[in-house]
């Protein structure tokens, strides 16, 4: 599309004093402070032409400057509390920039430092959508909710349940497949018109558009931190992954007739992503270990027809009822990381 020249400001709100994960905004994640990832995402955008970190900490500000962000002010303590609103933080930043510099951006992009994994193309896609339609007040990222809001309740002091959703009569008694899809905001990217923040006193406005994603890497717990760091290590490449075939890449065949095996498409997608990130993929199988039958050509043909990307195929893994490995990743763990 035709690029429209405008002022696009990224604000990364990074207060100190997190309680759930101590100093999580600057905690080292895969060899760099978590704050650095959002700065790098902003600087890689084709449209963002200014990056500011709003923080109440000179230590945080110094780290932000190291990675290329501006820190023209230290955020006042009264808007750096647990209960402080995004609106207060953004109004403070915009007012400061207008009063001190006469700078008023057209669009403001919020990149939370607690979301270290983003696709920069998503940032640019959202900005392009805002530029193409001036009626949109804001766009925020959303993902499909795993829990069904139509089956959720409020409970009063007497223990009485009141359904949260009332637009469909007795929706809580309906099969979930018949209920509308519900989305939650995943905190990845918000793009807002400056006038919405400064004149409408809102971080969203009236006309809000959703930009759908499949993932959520917002970090609020130690478990979420570990998950994100593990994902970053995997996608940076130069790791070796060994995958079993049957029960992982292929669905199990109880009678050991592997010619009838069917692909596990979900796992194949993950393996191919790991391959494309520059990791080494080794397939290791015990096919034929018990019967002595040679399954090599069948297996190679299956991997080719299923589109599995790999570097090496090995046969002869010991046949056993249990395998124990201190580095084992479960199928569900990989699904949770990549799907």
Protein backbone atom coordinates (compact mmCIF):
# COMPACT_ATOMS: atom_id res chain seq x y z
CA UNK A 1 0.00 0.00 0.00
CA UNK A 2 1.03 3.63 -0.39
CA UNK A 3 3.02 4.69 2.66
CA UNK A 4 1.49 7.73 4.36
CA UNK A 5 4.00 9.86 6.20
CA UNK A 6 2.92 10.48 9.76
CA UNK A 7 4.31 10.63 13.25
CA UNK A 8 4.03 7.27 14.96
CA UNK A 9 5.22 7.11 18.56
CA UNK A 10 5.83 3.88 20.45
CA UNK A 11 5.49 4.15 24.21
CA UNK A 12 6.77 1.28 26.31
CA UNK A 13 5.50 1.57 29.89
CA UNK A 14 8.05 -0.04 32.19
CA UNK A 15 7.58 0.76 35.85
CA UNK A 16 9.76 -0.81 38.49
CA UNK A 17 8.53 -2.79 41.46
CA UNK A 18 6.72 -5.77 39.95
CA UNK A 19 5.51 -8.13 42.67
CA UNK A 20 4.53 -11.23 40.66
CA UNK A 21 7.98 -11.61 39.05
CA UNK A 22 10.54 -9.31 40.69
CA UNK A 23 11.90 -6.63 38.34
CA UNK A 24 10.42 -8.59 35.45
CA UNK A 25 10.68 -5.68 33.01
CA UNK A 26 14.49 -5.76 33.18
CA UNK A 27 15.03 -9.38 34.18
CA UNK A 28 17.46 -11.17 31.90
CA UNK A 29 15.66 -13.36 29.38
CA UNK A 30 17.83 -15.35 27.01
CA UNK A 31 20.83 -13.01 27.54
CA UNK A 32 19.10 -9.63 27.39
CA UNK A 33 16.71 -7.62 29.62
CA UNK A 34 13.09 -8.33 28.80
CA UNK A 35 12.50 -4.61 28.18
CA UNK A 36 14.98 -4.77 25.28
CA UNK A 37 12.72 -6.98 23.16
CA UNK A 38 9.91 -4.42 22.94
CA UNK A 39 12.40 -1.66 22.10
CA UNK A 40 13.85 -3.81 19.32
CA UNK A 41 10.37 -4.58 17.98
CA UNK A 42 9.52 -0.87 17.85
CA UNK A 43 12.77 0.07 16.15
CA UNK A 44 12.28 -2.66 13.53
CA UNK A 45 8.87 -1.29 12.49
CA UNK A 46 8.63 0.45 9.12
CA UNK A 47 6.27 3.07 10.55
CA UNK A 48 7.31 3.80 14.13
CA UNK A 49 9.66 6.77 14.03
CA UNK A 50 10.10 7.45 17.73
CA UNK A 51 10.46 5.08 20.71
CA UNK A 52 10.04 6.23 24.30
CA UNK A 53 10.19 4.23 27.52
CA UNK A 54 8.08 5.63 30.36
CA UNK A 55 9.60 4.49 33.63
CA UNK A 56 9.86 5.62 37.23
CA UNK A 57 13.37 4.20 37.58
CA UNK A 58 16.66 5.75 36.46
CA UNK A 59 18.11 2.21 36.39
CA UNK A 60 15.40 1.12 33.97
CA UNK A 61 15.90 4.30 31.93
CA UNK A 62 19.61 3.61 31.56
CA UNK A 63 18.89 0.11 30.26
CA UNK A 64 16.30 1.49 27.86
CA UNK A 65 18.79 4.00 26.44
CA UNK A 66 21.35 1.23 26.00
CA UNK A 67 18.98 -0.49 23.57
CA UNK A 68 18.11 2.68 21.65
CA UNK A 69 14.99 4.10 23.30
CA UNK A 70 14.51 7.67 24.51
CA UNK A 71 13.80 8.43 28.16
CA UNK A 72 13.00 12.17 28.16
CA UNK A 73 11.48 12.03 31.65
CA UNK A 74 11.23 9.89 34.76
CA UNK A 75 7.62 9.03 35.39
CA UNK A 76 6.16 10.52 38.59
CA UNK A 77 5.69 8.07 41.47
CA UNK A 78 1.99 8.85 41.80
CA UNK A 79 1.27 7.29 38.39
CA UNK A 80 3.66 4.37 38.89
CA UNK A 81 1.67 2.40 41.41
CA UNK A 82 0.06 -1.04 41.16
CA UNK A 83 -3.32 0.61 40.61
CA UNK A 84 -2.13 3.27 38.13
CA UNK A 85 -3.96 3.30 34.80
CA UNK A 86 -2.43 3.14 31.34
CA UNK A 87 -4.41 6.28 30.53
CA UNK A 88 -2.59 8.27 33.22
CA UNK A 89 0.79 7.08 31.99
CA UNK A 90 0.09 7.89 28.34
CA UNK A 91 -1.52 11.24 29.03
CA UNK A 92 1.51 12.22 31.10
CA UNK A 93 3.92 11.25 28.31
CA UNK A 94 1.95 13.01 25.57
CA UNK A 95 1.44 16.17 27.62
CA UNK A 96 5.16 16.31 28.47
CA UNK A 97 6.20 15.92 24.82
CA UNK A 98 3.74 18.55 23.63
CA UNK A 99 4.68 21.10 26.30
CA UNK A 100 8.45 20.57 26.18
CA UNK A 101 8.93 19.90 22.47
CA UNK A 102 5.72 20.80 20.66
CA UNK A 103 5.63 17.18 19.53
CA UNK A 104 2.22 15.62 18.90
CA UNK A 105 2.19 12.19 17.21
CA UNK A 106 -0.63 11.01 14.96
CA UNK A 107 -0.66 7.48 16.33
CA UNK A 108 0.54 5.97 19.58
CA UNK A 109 1.65 2.34 19.76
CA UNK A 110 1.66 0.64 23.15
CA UNK A 111 4.19 -2.19 23.40
CA UNK A 112 4.16 -3.69 26.86
CA UNK A 113 7.59 -4.87 28.00
CA UNK A 114 5.95 -7.94 29.52
CA UNK A 115 5.35 -9.26 25.99
CA UNK A 116 8.84 -10.13 24.69
CA UNK A 117 7.77 -12.20 21.66
CA UNK A 118 6.12 -10.38 18.75
CA UNK A 119 6.05 -10.46 14.98
CA UNK A 120 7.02 -6.96 13.81
CA UNK A 121 4.82 -7.48 10.75
CA UNK A 122 1.83 -7.48 13.11
CA UNK A 123 2.79 -4.02 14.36
CA UNK A 124 3.04 -2.68 10.82
CA UNK A 125 -0.18 -4.40 9.70
CA UNK A 126 -2.10 -2.74 12.51
CA UNK A 127 -0.61 0.68 11.80
CA UNK A 128 -1.44 0.30 8.10
CA UNK A 129 -5.03 -0.54 8.99
CA UNK A 130 -5.27 2.58 11.16
CA UNK A 131 -3.82 4.73 8.39
CA UNK A 132 -6.24 3.32 5.85
CA UNK A 133 -9.37 3.99 7.93
CA UNK A 134 -9.51 7.23 9.91
CA UNK A 135 -12.80 6.22 11.55
CA UNK A 136 -11.02 3.61 13.69
CA UNK A 137 -10.16 4.94 17.15
CA UNK A 138 -7.91 2.04 18.12
CA UNK A 139 -6.89 -1.50 17.30
CA UNK A 140 -5.91 -4.00 19.94
CA UNK A 141 -4.65 -7.56 19.67
CA UNK A 142 -6.99 -10.36 20.65
CA UNK A 143 -6.93 -14.16 20.80
CA UNK A 144 -9.69 -16.74 21.07
CA UNK A 145 -10.53 -17.46 24.68
CA UNK A 146 -10.00 -21.05 25.77
CA UNK A 147 -12.57 -20.74 28.52
CA UNK A 148 -16.20 -20.16 27.53
CA UNK A 149 -17.47 -16.88 28.95
CA UNK A 150 -21.06 -18.03 28.41
CA UNK A 151 -20.53 -20.64 31.11
CA UNK A 152 -19.11 -18.23 33.69
CA UNK A 153 -20.82 -16.82 36.76
CA UNK A 154 -20.77 -14.13 39.40
CA UNK A 155 -21.37 -15.34 42.94
CA UNK A 156 -22.95 -13.08 45.55
CA UNK A 157 -22.34 -13.14 49.30
CA UNK A 158 -25.16 -15.65 49.81
CA UNK A 159 -23.64 -18.07 47.31
CA UNK A 160 -26.24 -17.34 44.63
CA UNK A 161 -24.92 -17.63 41.06
CA UNK A 162 -25.67 -14.99 38.43
CA UNK A 163 -24.56 -15.65 34.82
CA UNK A 164 -22.04 -13.20 33.38
CA UNK A 165 -23.51 -13.48 29.89
CA UNK A 166 -27.22 -12.82 29.57
CA UNK A 167 -27.70 -12.13 25.86
CA UNK A 168 -28.63 -15.79 25.20
CA UNK A 169 -31.20 -17.36 27.51
CA UNK A 170 -29.69 -20.15 29.63
CA UNK A 171 -26.56 -20.11 27.51
CA UNK A 172 -24.76 -21.88 30.37
CA UNK A 173 -26.86 -24.99 29.61
CA UNK A 174 -26.00 -25.03 25.90
CA UNK A 175 -23.26 -27.09 24.21
CA UNK A 176 -20.15 -24.94 23.85
CA UNK A 177 -20.07 -25.66 20.09
CA UNK A 178 -23.33 -23.71 19.71
CA UNK A 179 -22.08 -20.63 21.56
CA UNK A 180 -20.43 -17.59 19.94
CA UNK A 181 -16.64 -17.35 19.92
CA UNK A 182 -15.29 -15.04 22.62
CA UNK A 183 -11.98 -13.19 22.47
CA UNK A 184 -9.70 -11.76 25.13
CA UNK A 185 -7.15 -8.96 24.73
CA UNK A 186 -3.72 -10.56 24.83
CA UNK A 187 -1.70 -7.38 25.65
CA UNK A 188 0.64 -7.71 22.67
CA UNK A 189 0.04 -4.51 20.66
CA UNK A 190 -2.36 -1.57 20.97
CA UNK A 191 -2.44 1.27 18.45
CA UNK A 192 -4.45 4.37 19.41
CA UNK A 193 -5.03 7.75 17.82
CA UNK A 194 -3.44 10.44 19.95
CA UNK A 195 -6.66 12.45 20.02
CA UNK A 196 -8.47 9.50 21.62
CA UNK A 197 -6.07 9.63 24.57
CA UNK A 198 -5.85 13.40 24.91
CA UNK A 199 -9.39 14.48 23.98
CA UNK A 200 -11.59 11.46 24.67
CA UNK A 201 -9.67 10.52 27.81
CA UNK A 202 -9.60 6.90 26.72
CA UNK A 203 -7.08 4.25 25.73
CA UNK A 204 -9.47 2.75 23.22
CA UNK A 205 -12.18 5.20 22.11
CA UNK A 206 -15.51 4.20 20.64
CA UNK A 207 -14.63 2.35 17.45
CA UNK A 208 -12.32 -0.48 18.50
CA UNK A 209 -11.10 -3.08 16.02
CA UNK A 210 -9.60 -6.43 16.96
CA UNK A 211 -6.46 -7.88 15.38
CA UNK A 212 -6.58 -11.61 15.90
CA UNK A 213 -3.58 -13.67 16.98
CA UNK A 214 -3.09 -17.30 17.98
CA UNK A 215 -0.58 -16.84 20.79
CA UNK A 216 -0.19 -15.21 24.18
CA UNK A 217 3.24 -14.48 25.63
CA UNK A 218 2.21 -11.84 28.17
CA UNK A 219 4.23 -12.50 31.33
CA UNK A 220 2.72 -12.20 34.76
CA UNK A 221 4.04 -15.31 36.52
CA UNK A 222 7.29 -17.21 36.90
CA UNK A 223 5.86 -20.05 34.82
CA UNK A 224 5.01 -17.68 31.95
CA UNK A 225 8.51 -16.21 32.13
CA UNK A 226 10.11 -19.65 31.81
CA UNK A 227 7.81 -20.56 28.91
CA UNK A 228 8.70 -17.41 26.95
CA UNK A 229 12.43 -17.82 27.56
CA UNK A 230 12.31 -21.44 26.41
CA UNK A 231 10.48 -20.42 23.25
CA UNK A 232 13.06 -17.71 22.49
CA UNK A 233 15.89 -20.22 22.85
CA UNK A 234 14.16 -22.60 20.45
CA UNK A 235 13.49 -20.03 17.74
CA UNK A 236 17.01 -18.59 17.79
CA UNK A 237 18.18 -21.86 16.19
CA UNK A 238 21.39 -23.88 16.54
CA UNK A 239 19.73 -26.48 18.77
CA UNK A 240 19.35 -30.21 18.08
CA UNK A 241 15.91 -31.79 18.44
CA UNK A 242 15.38 -35.55 18.33
CA UNK A 243 11.82 -36.68 17.57
CA UNK A 244 10.33 -40.13 17.76
CA UNK A 245 8.10 -40.92 14.80
CA UNK A 246 5.27 -43.14 16.04
CA UNK A 247 3.13 -41.45 18.63
CA UNK A 248 4.74 -38.08 17.83
CA UNK A 249 4.99 -37.41 14.08
CA UNK A 250 2.71 -40.31 13.19
CA UNK A 251 -0.38 -41.49 15.00
CA UNK A 252 0.11 -44.81 16.74
CA UNK A 253 -0.52 -48.02 14.82
CA UNK A 254 -1.39 -50.75 17.36
CA UNK A 255 -0.62 -53.63 14.95
CA UNK A 256 2.79 -52.15 13.96
CA UNK A 257 1.77 -51.96 10.28
CA UNK A 258 3.49 -48.64 9.74
CA UNK A 259 2.41 -48.49 6.09
CA UNK A 260 -1.01 -47.52 7.43
CA UNK A 261 0.32 -44.73 9.67
CA UNK A 262 -1.36 -41.33 9.52
CA UNK A 263 0.42 -38.01 10.10
CA UNK A 264 0.10 -35.86 13.21
CA UNK A 265 -0.25 -32.58 11.32
CA UNK A 266 -0.05 -30.42 14.44
CA UNK A 267 3.35 -31.81 15.43
CA UNK A 268 4.62 -31.69 11.85
CA UNK A 269 3.88 -27.95 11.75
CA UNK A 270 5.93 -27.46 14.92
CA UNK A 271 8.85 -29.56 13.64
CA UNK A 272 8.90 -27.60 10.39
CA UNK A 273 8.95 -24.31 12.31
CA UNK A 274 11.90 -25.52 14.38
CA UNK A 275 13.67 -26.60 11.16
CA UNK A 276 13.07 -23.19 9.54
CA UNK A 277 14.45 -21.42 12.62
CA UNK A 278 17.79 -23.13 11.95
CA UNK A 279 17.62 -26.03 14.38
CA UNK A 280 18.83 -29.55 13.56
CA UNK A 281 16.01 -32.08 13.34
CA UNK A 282 16.78 -35.76 13.88
CA UNK A 283 14.12 -38.45 13.53
CA UNK A 284 14.85 -41.53 15.63
CA UNK A 285 12.59 -44.58 15.43
CA UNK A 286 12.37 -48.17 16.63
CA UNK A 287 10.34 -49.29 13.60
CA UNK A 288 11.31 -52.89 12.85
CA UNK A 289 13.31 -53.31 16.05
CA UNK A 290 11.04 -56.08 17.31
CA UNK A 291 10.01 -57.71 14.00
CA UNK A 292 13.24 -57.22 12.06
CA UNK A 293 11.32 -55.79 9.12
CA UNK A 294 12.97 -52.97 7.17
CA UNK A 295 10.74 -49.88 7.25
CA UNK A 296 13.31 -47.38 5.98
CA UNK A 297 11.91 -46.76 2.49
CA UNK A 298 8.31 -46.64 3.74
CA UNK A 299 9.30 -44.20 6.46
CA UNK A 300 11.24 -41.94 4.10
CA UNK A 301 8.33 -41.91 1.66
CA UNK A 302 5.91 -41.02 4.47
CA UNK A 303 8.08 -38.18 5.74
CA UNK A 304 8.30 -36.80 2.20
CA UNK A 305 4.57 -37.09 1.49
CA UNK A 306 3.70 -35.56 4.87
CA UNK A 307 6.07 -32.67 4.27
CA UNK A 308 8.27 -33.29 7.31
CA UNK A 309 11.48 -31.24 7.23
CA UNK A 310 14.43 -32.99 8.88
CA UNK A 311 18.19 -33.47 8.63
CA UNK A 312 18.70 -37.07 9.66
CA UNK A 313 16.67 -40.27 10.02
CA UNK A 314 17.95 -42.93 12.43
CA UNK A 315 16.70 -46.45 13.16
CA UNK A 316 17.34 -48.74 16.11
CA UNK A 317 16.18 -46.90 19.19
CA UNK A 318 15.83 -49.48 22.00
CA UNK A 319 12.40 -50.93 22.40
CA UNK A 320 11.03 -50.31 25.91
CA UNK A 321 7.85 -49.50 27.77
CA UNK A 322 9.24 -46.24 29.15
CA UNK A 323 11.90 -43.76 28.06
CA UNK A 324 13.44 -41.46 30.67
CA UNK A 325 15.36 -38.37 29.65
CA UNK A 326 16.25 -35.32 31.75
CA UNK A 327 15.77 -33.06 28.72
CA UNK A 328 12.47 -34.51 27.54
CA UNK A 329 9.81 -32.18 26.15
CA UNK A 330 6.27 -33.48 26.14
CA UNK A 331 4.00 -33.18 23.12
CA UNK A 332 1.63 -30.97 25.10
CA UNK A 333 4.48 -28.68 26.10
CA UNK A 334 5.43 -28.13 22.46
CA UNK A 335 1.78 -27.63 21.53
CA UNK A 336 1.47 -25.00 24.25
CA UNK A 337 4.57 -23.17 23.02
CA UNK A 338 3.91 -23.18 19.29
CA UNK A 339 0.21 -23.69 18.62
